[in-house]
Amino acid sequence: MRNYVFHYPHYFRYFGLILLALSIGIFLYRLSEFGIFDLTAFSTPAAFSLVFIYFSKEKMNDERVVLLKFKALALAIPIAGLIFALLDYSVNFDGYSIETDSWYSHSAFEYLTLALLLAYGIFQFLKFKE
């Protein structure tokens, strides 16, 4: 019986690492050339790369790894949501912006990037702990 829990093969992890390096390069290029601290341009390819890294198969892919990845994801999603709720509250504490006619909000890709970074970190910690 084949394991269909993680649909990406193990080598997709390397594709994700290349894409993550590209997103860091985009961020550094926009910061050095234009002086723009653009998290959205960084987080869009970074979110895709972290999906490939996190959901690719491990070399030893068994039920324990699947359970640890699920536990890590179940912890990371609410933690990232809490972090972004606190960030939104702290940034929008003064209220509505007249200049932009809107509230400041974060991109969904920024949230996904943070959630998957936290999930991968928690997964590595849980795997190390066992």
N, C-alpha and C. Protein backbone atom coordinates (compact mmCIF):
# COMPACT_ATOMS: atom_id res chain seq x y z
N MET A 1 0.84 -1.18 0.00
CA MET A 1 0.00 0.00 0.00
C MET A 1 0.88 1.25 0.00
N ARG A 2 0.58 2.20 -0.85
CA ARG A 2 1.38 3.41 -0.98
C ARG A 2 0.91 4.48 0.00
N ASN A 3 1.82 5.31 0.42
CA ASN A 3 1.51 6.39 1.34
C ASN A 3 1.20 7.65 0.52
N TYR A 4 -0.05 8.10 0.56
CA TYR A 4 -0.47 9.27 -0.21
C TYR A 4 -0.68 10.50 0.67
N VAL A 5 -0.09 10.51 1.86
CA VAL A 5 -0.30 11.64 2.76
C VAL A 5 0.41 12.88 2.23
N PHE A 6 1.67 12.74 1.84
CA PHE A 6 2.42 13.86 1.28
C PHE A 6 2.58 13.63 -0.21
N HIS A 7 2.01 14.51 -0.99
CA HIS A 7 1.94 14.29 -2.43
C HIS A 7 3.21 14.67 -3.16
N TYR A 8 4.06 15.46 -2.55
CA TYR A 8 5.29 15.87 -3.23
C TYR A 8 6.42 14.90 -2.90
N PRO A 9 7.17 14.48 -3.90
CA PRO A 9 8.32 13.62 -3.63
C PRO A 9 9.40 14.37 -2.83
N HIS A 10 10.36 13.63 -2.35
CA HIS A 10 11.40 14.21 -1.48
C HIS A 10 12.21 15.28 -2.21
N TYR A 11 12.46 15.12 -3.51
CA TYR A 11 13.29 16.09 -4.22
C TYR A 11 12.60 17.44 -4.42
N PHE A 12 11.31 17.54 -4.16
CA PHE A 12 10.64 18.84 -4.24
C PHE A 12 11.12 19.77 -3.15
N ARG A 13 11.71 19.22 -2.10
CA ARG A 13 12.29 20.02 -1.04
C ARG A 13 13.40 20.92 -1.60
N TYR A 14 14.19 20.39 -2.53
CA TYR A 14 15.27 21.18 -3.13
C TYR A 14 14.71 22.28 -4.03
N PHE A 15 13.62 21.98 -4.73
CA PHE A 15 12.95 23.01 -5.52
C PHE A 15 12.45 24.12 -4.61
N GLY A 16 11.91 23.74 -3.45
CA GLY A 16 11.45 24.73 -2.48
C GLY A 16 12.58 25.58 -1.94
N LEU A 17 13.74 24.96 -1.71
CA LEU A 17 14.89 25.73 -1.22
C LEU A 17 15.39 26.72 -2.26
N ILE A 18 15.37 26.31 -3.54
CA ILE A 18 15.77 27.23 -4.62
C ILE A 18 14.79 28.39 -4.70
N LEU A 19 13.51 28.09 -4.59
CA LEU A 19 12.49 29.14 -4.63
C LEU A 19 12.59 30.06 -3.42
N LEU A 20 12.95 29.52 -2.27
CA LEU A 20 13.14 30.34 -1.07
C LEU A 20 14.34 31.27 -1.23
N ALA A 21 15.42 30.75 -1.81
CA ALA A 21 16.59 31.59 -2.08
C ALA A 21 16.24 32.70 -3.07
N LEU A 22 15.41 32.39 -4.06
CA LEU A 22 14.96 33.39 -5.02
C LEU A 22 14.13 34.47 -4.33
N SER A 23 13.26 34.07 -3.42
CA SER A 23 12.44 35.07 -2.73
C SER A 23 13.28 35.96 -1.81
N ILE A 24 14.31 35.39 -1.19
CA ILE A 24 15.22 36.21 -0.38
C ILE A 24 16.00 37.17 -1.29
N GLY A 25 16.39 36.69 -2.47
CA GLY A 25 17.07 37.56 -3.44
C GLY A 25 16.18 38.70 -3.90
N ILE A 26 14.90 38.42 -4.13
CA ILE A 26 13.96 39.48 -4.53
C ILE A 26 13.84 40.51 -3.42
N PHE A 27 13.73 40.04 -2.18
CA PHE A 27 13.61 40.96 -1.05
C PHE A 27 14.85 41.84 -0.92
N LEU A 28 16.03 41.24 -1.00
CA LEU A 28 17.27 42.01 -0.86
C LEU A 28 17.48 42.96 -2.03
N TYR A 29 17.10 42.56 -3.23
CA TYR A 29 17.23 43.43 -4.40
C TYR A 29 16.35 44.66 -4.26
N ARG A 30 15.09 44.46 -3.87
CA ARG A 30 14.17 45.60 -3.73
C ARG A 30 14.59 46.51 -2.57
N LEU A 31 15.18 45.90 -1.54
CA LEU A 31 15.63 46.70 -0.40
C LEU A 31 16.87 47.52 -0.75
N SER A 32 17.83 46.91 -1.47
CA SER A 32 19.08 47.62 -1.78
C SER A 32 18.93 48.61 -2.93
N GLU A 33 18.20 48.24 -3.96
CA GLU A 33 18.10 49.11 -5.14
C GLU A 33 17.08 50.24 -4.97
N PHE A 34 15.94 49.91 -4.37
CA PHE A 34 14.86 50.90 -4.30
C PHE A 34 14.58 51.38 -2.88
N GLY A 35 15.17 50.73 -1.89
CA GLY A 35 14.92 51.10 -0.51
C GLY A 35 13.52 50.74 -0.03
N ILE A 36 12.93 49.73 -0.66
CA ILE A 36 11.56 49.32 -0.32
C ILE A 36 11.63 48.08 0.55
N PHE A 37 11.04 48.15 1.73
CA PHE A 37 10.93 46.98 2.62
C PHE A 37 9.62 46.29 2.27
N ASP A 38 9.67 45.44 1.24
CA ASP A 38 8.47 44.85 0.66
C ASP A 38 8.33 43.39 1.10
N LEU A 39 7.53 43.16 2.12
CA LEU A 39 7.32 41.80 2.58
C LEU A 39 6.41 41.00 1.66
N THR A 40 5.53 41.66 0.94
CA THR A 40 4.62 40.94 0.06
C THR A 40 5.36 40.32 -1.11
N ALA A 41 6.32 41.04 -1.69
CA ALA A 41 7.11 40.48 -2.78
C ALA A 41 7.97 39.32 -2.30
N PHE A 42 8.35 39.33 -1.03
CA PHE A 42 9.11 38.22 -0.46
C PHE A 42 8.20 37.05 -0.11
N SER A 43 7.07 37.34 0.49
CA SER A 43 6.26 36.27 1.06
C SER A 43 5.50 35.46 0.03
N THR A 44 5.22 35.99 -1.14
CA THR A 44 4.49 35.21 -2.13
C THR A 44 5.30 34.01 -2.62
N PRO A 45 6.52 34.18 -3.15
CA PRO A 45 7.28 32.98 -3.51
C PRO A 45 7.75 32.18 -2.30
N ALA A 46 7.95 32.85 -1.16
CA ALA A 46 8.39 32.13 0.04
C ALA A 46 7.29 31.19 0.53
N ALA A 47 6.04 31.60 0.43
CA ALA A 47 4.93 30.74 0.86
C ALA A 47 4.87 29.48 -0.02
N PHE A 48 5.02 29.66 -1.32
CA PHE A 48 5.02 28.49 -2.21
C PHE A 48 6.20 27.58 -1.92
N SER A 49 7.36 28.17 -1.66
CA SER A 49 8.53 27.34 -1.39
C SER A 49 8.37 26.57 -0.08
N LEU A 50 7.79 27.19 0.93
CA LEU A 50 7.58 26.50 2.20
C LEU A 50 6.52 25.41 2.10
N VAL A 51 5.55 25.58 1.21
CA VAL A 51 4.59 24.49 0.96
C VAL A 51 5.32 23.29 0.39
N PHE A 52 6.20 23.53 -0.57
CA PHE A 52 6.96 22.41 -1.14
C PHE A 52 7.89 21.77 -0.12
N ILE A 53 8.51 22.59 0.72
CA ILE A 53 9.43 22.05 1.72
C ILE A 53 8.68 21.27 2.80
N TYR A 54 7.60 21.84 3.30
CA TYR A 54 6.90 21.23 4.42
C TYR A 54 6.12 19.98 4.02
N PHE A 55 5.49 20.01 2.85
CA PHE A 55 4.62 18.91 2.47
C PHE A 55 5.28 17.88 1.56
N SER A 56 6.60 17.95 1.40
CA SER A 56 7.28 16.89 0.66
C SER A 56 7.59 15.75 1.62
N LYS A 57 7.78 14.58 1.05
CA LYS A 57 8.02 13.40 1.87
C LYS A 57 9.38 13.49 2.54
N GLU A 58 9.46 12.94 3.73
CA GLU A 58 10.73 12.82 4.43
C GLU A 58 11.44 11.56 3.93
N LYS A 59 12.73 11.46 4.22
CA LYS A 59 13.44 10.24 3.81
C LYS A 59 12.88 9.02 4.54
N MET A 60 12.60 9.18 5.82
CA MET A 60 11.93 8.13 6.60
C MET A 60 10.50 8.60 6.83
N ASN A 61 9.60 8.22 5.95
CA ASN A 61 8.23 8.70 6.02
C ASN A 61 7.36 7.60 6.62
N ASP A 62 7.01 7.74 7.91
CA ASP A 62 6.15 6.77 8.56
C ASP A 62 5.03 7.51 9.29
N GLU A 63 4.25 6.78 10.07
CA GLU A 63 3.11 7.38 10.75
C GLU A 63 3.56 8.41 11.79
N ARG A 64 4.71 8.22 12.38
CA ARG A 64 5.22 9.16 13.37
C ARG A 64 5.49 10.52 12.74
N VAL A 65 6.09 10.51 11.56
CA VAL A 65 6.40 11.77 10.86
C VAL A 65 5.10 12.48 10.49
N VAL A 66 4.13 11.73 10.01
CA VAL A 66 2.84 12.33 9.64
C VAL A 66 2.18 12.96 10.86
N LEU A 67 2.20 12.24 11.99
CA LEU A 67 1.60 12.76 13.22
C LEU A 67 2.34 14.00 13.71
N LEU A 68 3.67 13.99 13.65
CA LEU A 68 4.44 15.16 14.09
C LEU A 68 4.18 16.37 13.20
N LYS A 69 4.08 16.14 11.90
CA LYS A 69 3.80 17.26 10.99
C LYS A 69 2.41 17.82 11.23
N PHE A 70 1.45 16.94 11.51
CA PHE A 70 0.11 17.42 11.79
C PHE A 70 0.06 18.19 13.10
N LYS A 71 0.74 17.68 14.14
CA LYS A 71 0.79 18.39 15.42
C LYS A 71 1.44 19.76 15.26
N ALA A 72 2.52 19.82 14.50
CA ALA A 72 3.22 21.08 14.29
C ALA A 72 2.34 22.07 13.55
N LEU A 73 1.62 21.61 12.54
CA LEU A 73 0.74 22.48 11.78
C LEU A 73 -0.45 22.94 12.63
N ALA A 74 -0.96 22.04 13.46
CA ALA A 74 -2.08 22.40 14.35
C ALA A 74 -1.66 23.42 15.39
N LEU A 75 -0.41 23.43 15.79
CA LEU A 75 0.08 24.46 16.72
C LEU A 75 0.43 25.76 16.00
N ALA A 76 1.01 25.66 14.83
CA ALA A 76 1.53 26.84 14.13
C ALA A 76 0.42 27.74 13.60
N ILE A 77 -0.67 27.18 13.14
CA ILE A 77 -1.73 28.00 12.55
C ILE A 77 -2.34 28.97 13.56
N PRO A 78 -2.75 28.52 14.76
CA PRO A 78 -3.28 29.52 15.70
C PRO A 78 -2.22 30.47 16.26
N ILE A 79 -0.98 30.00 16.39
CA ILE A 79 0.08 30.90 16.87
C ILE A 79 0.32 32.01 15.85
N ALA A 80 0.38 31.66 14.57
CA ALA A 80 0.56 32.68 13.53
C ALA A 80 -0.63 33.61 13.47
N GLY A 81 -1.83 33.08 13.66
CA GLY A 81 -3.02 33.93 13.69
C GLY A 81 -2.98 34.91 14.85
N LEU A 82 -2.53 34.45 16.00
CA LEU A 82 -2.42 35.33 17.17
C LEU A 82 -1.35 36.41 16.94
N ILE A 83 -0.23 36.03 16.36
CA ILE A 83 0.83 37.00 16.07
C ILE A 83 0.33 38.08 15.12
N PHE A 84 -0.39 37.66 14.06
CA PHE A 84 -0.89 38.65 13.10
C PHE A 84 -2.02 39.48 13.68
N ALA A 85 -2.83 38.91 14.56
CA ALA A 85 -3.87 39.71 15.22
C ALA A 85 -3.24 40.78 16.10
N LEU A 86 -2.19 40.41 16.82
CA LEU A 86 -1.49 41.40 17.65
C LEU A 86 -0.78 42.46 16.80
N LEU A 87 -0.19 42.03 15.67
CA LEU A 87 0.45 43.00 14.77
C LEU A 87 -0.58 43.96 14.19
N ASP A 88 -1.70 43.44 13.74
CA ASP A 88 -2.75 44.31 13.19
C ASP A 88 -3.28 45.28 14.24
N TYR A 89 -3.45 44.78 15.45
CA TYR A 89 -3.93 45.66 16.52
C TYR A 89 -2.91 46.76 16.83
N SER A 90 -1.64 46.38 16.89
CA SER A 90 -0.62 47.38 17.23
C SER A 90 -0.43 48.41 16.12
N VAL A 91 -0.53 47.97 14.87
CA VAL A 91 -0.36 48.90 13.75
C VAL A 91 -1.59 49.79 13.59
N ASN A 92 -2.77 49.23 13.77
CA ASN A 92 -4.01 49.97 13.56
C ASN A 92 -4.57 50.54 14.86
N PHE A 93 -3.78 50.60 15.92
CA PHE A 93 -4.26 51.08 17.20
C PHE A 93 -4.73 52.53 17.12
N ASP A 94 -4.01 53.33 16.34
CA ASP A 94 -4.40 54.74 16.22
C ASP A 94 -5.65 54.91 15.38
N GLY A 95 -5.99 53.91 14.59
CA GLY A 95 -7.25 53.98 13.86
C GLY A 95 -7.09 54.05 12.36
N TYR A 96 -8.10 54.56 11.78
CA TYR A 96 -8.26 54.62 10.34
C TYR A 96 -7.27 55.61 9.73
N SER A 97 -6.69 55.23 8.57
CA SER A 97 -5.73 56.10 7.89
C SER A 97 -6.46 56.97 6.87
N ILE A 98 -6.38 58.26 7.03
CA ILE A 98 -7.05 59.17 6.10
C ILE A 98 -6.31 59.20 4.76
N GLU A 99 -4.97 59.09 4.80
CA GLU A 99 -4.18 59.18 3.57
C GLU A 99 -4.49 58.03 2.61
N THR A 100 -4.60 56.82 3.13
CA THR A 100 -4.82 55.67 2.25
C THR A 100 -6.28 55.25 2.21
N ASP A 101 -7.12 55.88 3.01
CA ASP A 101 -8.54 55.59 3.08
C ASP A 101 -8.80 54.12 3.44
N SER A 102 -7.95 53.57 4.31
CA SER A 102 -8.12 52.17 4.67
C SER A 102 -7.39 51.85 5.97
N TRP A 103 -7.64 50.68 6.48
CA TRP A 103 -6.88 50.12 7.59
C TRP A 103 -5.70 49.39 6.99
N TYR A 104 -4.62 49.30 7.75
CA TYR A 104 -3.48 48.53 7.29
C TYR A 104 -3.74 47.06 7.58
N SER A 105 -3.48 46.21 6.61
CA SER A 105 -3.66 44.77 6.83
C SER A 105 -2.50 44.02 6.18
N HIS A 106 -2.36 42.79 6.58
CA HIS A 106 -1.28 41.95 6.07
C HIS A 106 -1.81 41.04 4.96
N SER A 107 -0.89 40.61 4.13
CA SER A 107 -1.23 39.72 3.04
C SER A 107 -1.45 38.31 3.58
N ALA A 108 -2.27 37.55 2.89
CA ALA A 108 -2.48 36.14 3.25
C ALA A 108 -1.21 35.34 3.04
N PHE A 109 -0.39 35.74 2.08
CA PHE A 109 0.88 35.05 1.85
C PHE A 109 1.86 35.30 3.00
N GLU A 110 1.79 36.49 3.60
CA GLU A 110 2.62 36.75 4.78
C GLU A 110 2.20 35.84 5.93
N TYR A 111 0.89 35.68 6.12
CA TYR A 111 0.40 34.78 7.17
C TYR A 111 0.80 33.33 6.88
N LEU A 112 0.64 32.90 5.64
CA LEU A 112 1.00 31.53 5.27
C LEU A 112 2.49 31.28 5.43
N THR A 113 3.30 32.26 5.08
CA THR A 113 4.74 32.13 5.25
C THR A 113 5.10 31.96 6.72
N LEU A 114 4.53 32.80 7.56
CA LEU A 114 4.82 32.70 9.00
C LEU A 114 4.30 31.38 9.57
N ALA A 115 3.10 30.98 9.18
CA ALA A 115 2.54 29.73 9.71
C ALA A 115 3.38 28.53 9.30
N LEU A 116 3.84 28.49 8.06
CA LEU A 116 4.64 27.35 7.62
C LEU A 116 6.05 27.38 8.20
N LEU A 117 6.61 28.57 8.40
CA LEU A 117 7.91 28.66 9.09
C LEU A 117 7.80 28.15 10.53
N LEU A 118 6.74 28.58 11.20
CA LEU A 118 6.52 28.09 12.56
C LEU A 118 6.28 26.58 12.58
N ALA A 119 5.49 26.09 11.63
CA ALA A 119 5.20 24.66 11.58
C ALA A 119 6.46 23.85 11.33
N TYR A 120 7.31 24.33 10.43
CA TYR A 120 8.54 23.60 10.16
C TYR A 120 9.47 23.62 11.37
N GLY A 121 9.56 24.74 12.04
CA GLY A 121 10.37 24.83 13.25
C GLY A 121 9.85 23.94 14.37
N ILE A 122 8.53 23.94 14.57
CA ILE A 122 7.93 23.09 15.59
C ILE A 122 8.11 21.62 15.23
N PHE A 123 7.97 21.29 13.95
CA PHE A 123 8.17 19.90 13.52
C PHE A 123 9.60 19.44 13.80
N GLN A 124 10.57 20.28 13.48
CA GLN A 124 11.96 19.89 13.73
C GLN A 124 12.22 19.75 15.23
N PHE A 125 11.61 20.61 16.04
CA PHE A 125 11.76 20.50 17.49
C PHE A 125 11.13 19.22 18.01
N LEU A 126 9.92 18.92 17.55
CA LEU A 126 9.24 17.68 18.00
C LEU A 126 9.99 16.44 17.55
N LYS A 127 10.55 16.49 16.35
CA LYS A 127 11.31 15.35 15.85
C LYS A 127 12.60 15.18 16.65
N PHE A 128 13.23 16.28 17.02
CA PHE A 128 14.45 16.23 17.82
C PHE A 128 14.15 15.74 19.23
N LYS A 129 13.00 16.15 19.76
CA LYS A 129 12.63 15.79 21.13
C LYS A 129 12.36 14.29 21.30
N GLU A 130 11.86 13.66 20.26
CA GLU A 130 11.55 12.22 20.36
C GLU A 130 12.72 11.34 20.14
